[in-house]
Amino acid sequence: MTDMRRLRRATAALATALALLLMAGCGKEGSPPAKGPRTEKLPTYKVATGFRLPSSPTWRRAERRGHLTVGVKEDQPYLGERDPATGRYSGFDIEIARMMSASLGFPPKTIRFQTIASANRETALQSGQIDFYVGTYTINPLRKRLVGFAGPYFMAGQSLLVRTDEDDIHGPADLAGRTVCSVAGSTPLQRIERDYPKARAVAYDTYSVCVDNLLSFQVDAVTTDNTILLGYAAKAPRS
C-alpha cells in the first residue's frame, strides 16, 4: 500500500482514466461497458493434464471433490462482480482464478466461487471453507503469519472517493471532522484510524454499502484501493 500522502481524489477524472483503459470495449466513446467485456471476448485457459500436487492437502481435497472452491468479492466493479440475475461472477480477479484453476488441473467451469467478506478471509482459508482467495488483499507481516500469499500479481495504492460536488476534500489532510467509510478488517480502514484520528471512520461489510452511503450523503468519502474506487467512479461518473 502506498503512503497516504499519495491518496488521490477519485472523481470524474478517475472515471475518465478507467474509461480510456476500457475504450476498446465501449459502446459510446469514453463510456465503459456496463458489465465489462462480453463472454465471447474473454480468454480461454488450457487445463493442465496430468498435473499433480500430492504434497498439498488443499490440492488433494480439491482433487477428491473434483473442483476448487475460490473466495472472491462480488461487489467490486471490473474486479469481482456477481450478477444477481444469473449468479455469474466476472472481472479481473475472476479471470485470475480461472487461469489458476486451469494451471492446477481443474477446468475453470467447475470452480465454485464463494463471496468472502474482508474480515473473514483468514478464517475462511484456515478452516478450509475455501481453497484459495483471489482479490484485493494487502500483504503485511501479520497476515503472513496467518495465511500464505502468492504474488502479488497486481499492485495498488490507497485512495479516496468523493462525490463530484465535493469541493473541500482534496486529500487525507482534509478529512478532519469528516466521515470516511471503509470495510471492516481492511488495511485502509486501519490506516485512517491510525494516521488520521480526527476523521470519523465508519466500517461496513462491503464497499458497495460505503458507496451507497456516499451517494446518499451519509458519509463524506470512501477509502480503499484505487483500483476498486476507479470501478465505482466509472459506474457513476456524474455522481
Foldseek 3Di string as FASTA:
>chain_A
DDDQVPAFECALVLLQVVLVVQQVQDPDGSAHDQQHHDPVPDDAEAADPPADDVVDPLLVVCVVVQEFEEEEAAPQFQQWHADPVPRDIDHDQLVVVQNVCRDRRHHSVRYHYDYDFLQCQLVCCVVVVGSYYTDDDDDDPVVVVRDPDDDDPDDWDKYKYFYPPDDQDGGLVSQQPFEEEEAPPGPFLVCCVPVPVRHHYDHDRDVVVVVVCRVVVVGGIYMDTPSRSSSVCSNPNND
